[in-house]
Amino acid sequence: SSVSLWPSGPPPCVRPCSVSRRWRAGRAAEMPARQMEDETDEDSSTELDAVDSSGDSSCDEQSTEVLPARRSAMVVMMFVIGGYTLIGPLQHDLKSALKIPDVGQVSEVFTQSVAFVQWGKTFMTLGQNVLLSCFPTVHRVYIAMVVMFCGTMIPPLFVFTFGSHWIGWVPLCYGMIGLALGVFECTYLSVISPLGPATKSWAIMGFPAAFAVVNIIGQSLMALCDMPVKAVFWYIVLCQPLAIVLFRHLAPHDTKVDGKSYAQSSMAGSLRDWRSWLVKMIPFLLVNVMSHFVMESVLPAVFNTYNAHQVALKGPTDTSVLMKKTWFLVVLSICMAIGDMSSRRIGYMFEITTTKSNYLALLFALVCSSSGLYLTTKGIAALTWLAVFLAFFGAGFNYAITSRYIDRRVPRKHNLAGYSLWMFVGYMGAIAGAVLVTMVRGWICGGKEYEYQCHVK
């Protein structure tokens, strides 16, 4: 009699491999060629993960599916990304505190200084792989959090508390926030990959949640309760050390989890192995460019278009329904938050497994973003709420689909490279969107000025 190596049957990580080989062998003759290709495509990653622990296969979502959701991952993301919300309405509050007018040379210097956040995050998304290559990925997250803390500390401490009007604080603040964000976002998502897709689905919702807290709750409290704006700035600062404490209890601090190596290859090493992961990611990179372009152009263009004290909801020539600008922007922020947060959750609810289904999901995200941009150009304030919802729903859905794809299909040792390159390319679209805000505003206004929108200041 033979002795089984596994008294109660082969372990799950081995059983599917042998079964899938026999199953495909028996079904090959009767299965259409295209269907056989899809099945082989799906089973191949499972077979590799069953026999490999070096990081050459993907994070194997199937093996981490049973892991419980760690919702604190969302809180960490929300607290740190809170620093990025300084690019929103808070930047105008900082501008006012520095006694800088809305037009003129000093105003232009302020605007270009705020843009440091875009350049900083773009540079460090890939630059960290060189400048911080001597640090483990977990330590890079801590470094990013400390830099974010220092950057967000500048406005409430030096400007609002000490009353300094030195414009040099602006590039220092936004530059540090940009550098921190470039390291944090992609590295944090890579570090928590071993915690499973359930945790990742919560983590990615932290980005829009940060903007919802500041732009909806914060702005509402300032409007209703006369809360000073510096309270919002201090809230953002105090969130940073709390994020460090939460991350300390959340993150896996070992590069080997469940027998699998999550040690990351260098960017140069990942690019040398580009055939194993980069080619199929090209559609994800292209969609991310458009997604970021829409986000970074539509929202500022809307702010610059509806720039009177009241907003005509039915259109520039129909003044029958007016709304105070503050509440118009609050509703706008709510639509943005619902679209962005819900789509990131929905993207993890559907079982999107084949390459074809991933590309179709990307196409859906692209259609949503493009539709949002198109509806924005119609110049109807009430329609802008739907436009922003669609634009950010598409962006969030793209984020969720790509995160799942990288964790499922990109080899584990190239996980960080996949996130870094995807975000770097997307940030190029963000820079283009920020530069072309005036062009998008021109599409909305058509070169005209109305009583309640398109004012030229």
Foldseek 3Di string as FASTA:
>chain_A
DDDDPDPVDDDPLPVVQVVVVVVCVVCVVPDDPVVSVQSCVQCVLSVCVSPDFELQGFLAQVVQVPFDADLVLLLLLLLLLLLVLCLDPVVVVLCVLLVHDCDDDVNVVLVVLLCLLLVQLLCQLQVCLPPVVVDFLLVLQVVLLVLSLVLLVQRLPVRVPVNDNDSVNSNSNSNSSNNSNNSNPLSSLLQCLNSHPNHSLSNLLSNLVNNLCCLAVVLVCCVPVVDDPSVSSVSSNVSSVVSVVSCVVRTDPAQGDPSHGLAADRLVVCVVVCVQPPPLCVLLLVLLLLLLLLVLQLVVLVCQWQPDQWAQQAAQVDNPDIDGPSVLSNLLSVLLSCLQSVLSNVLVVDPQRGSVSLSVLSVQLSVLLVQLLVQSLQGRSNSNSSSSSSSNNSSNNSVNSQSVCLNNRPRSNCSSVSSSSSVSSSSVSNVVNNVCNVVSNCSNQVPDDGPRTDDDD
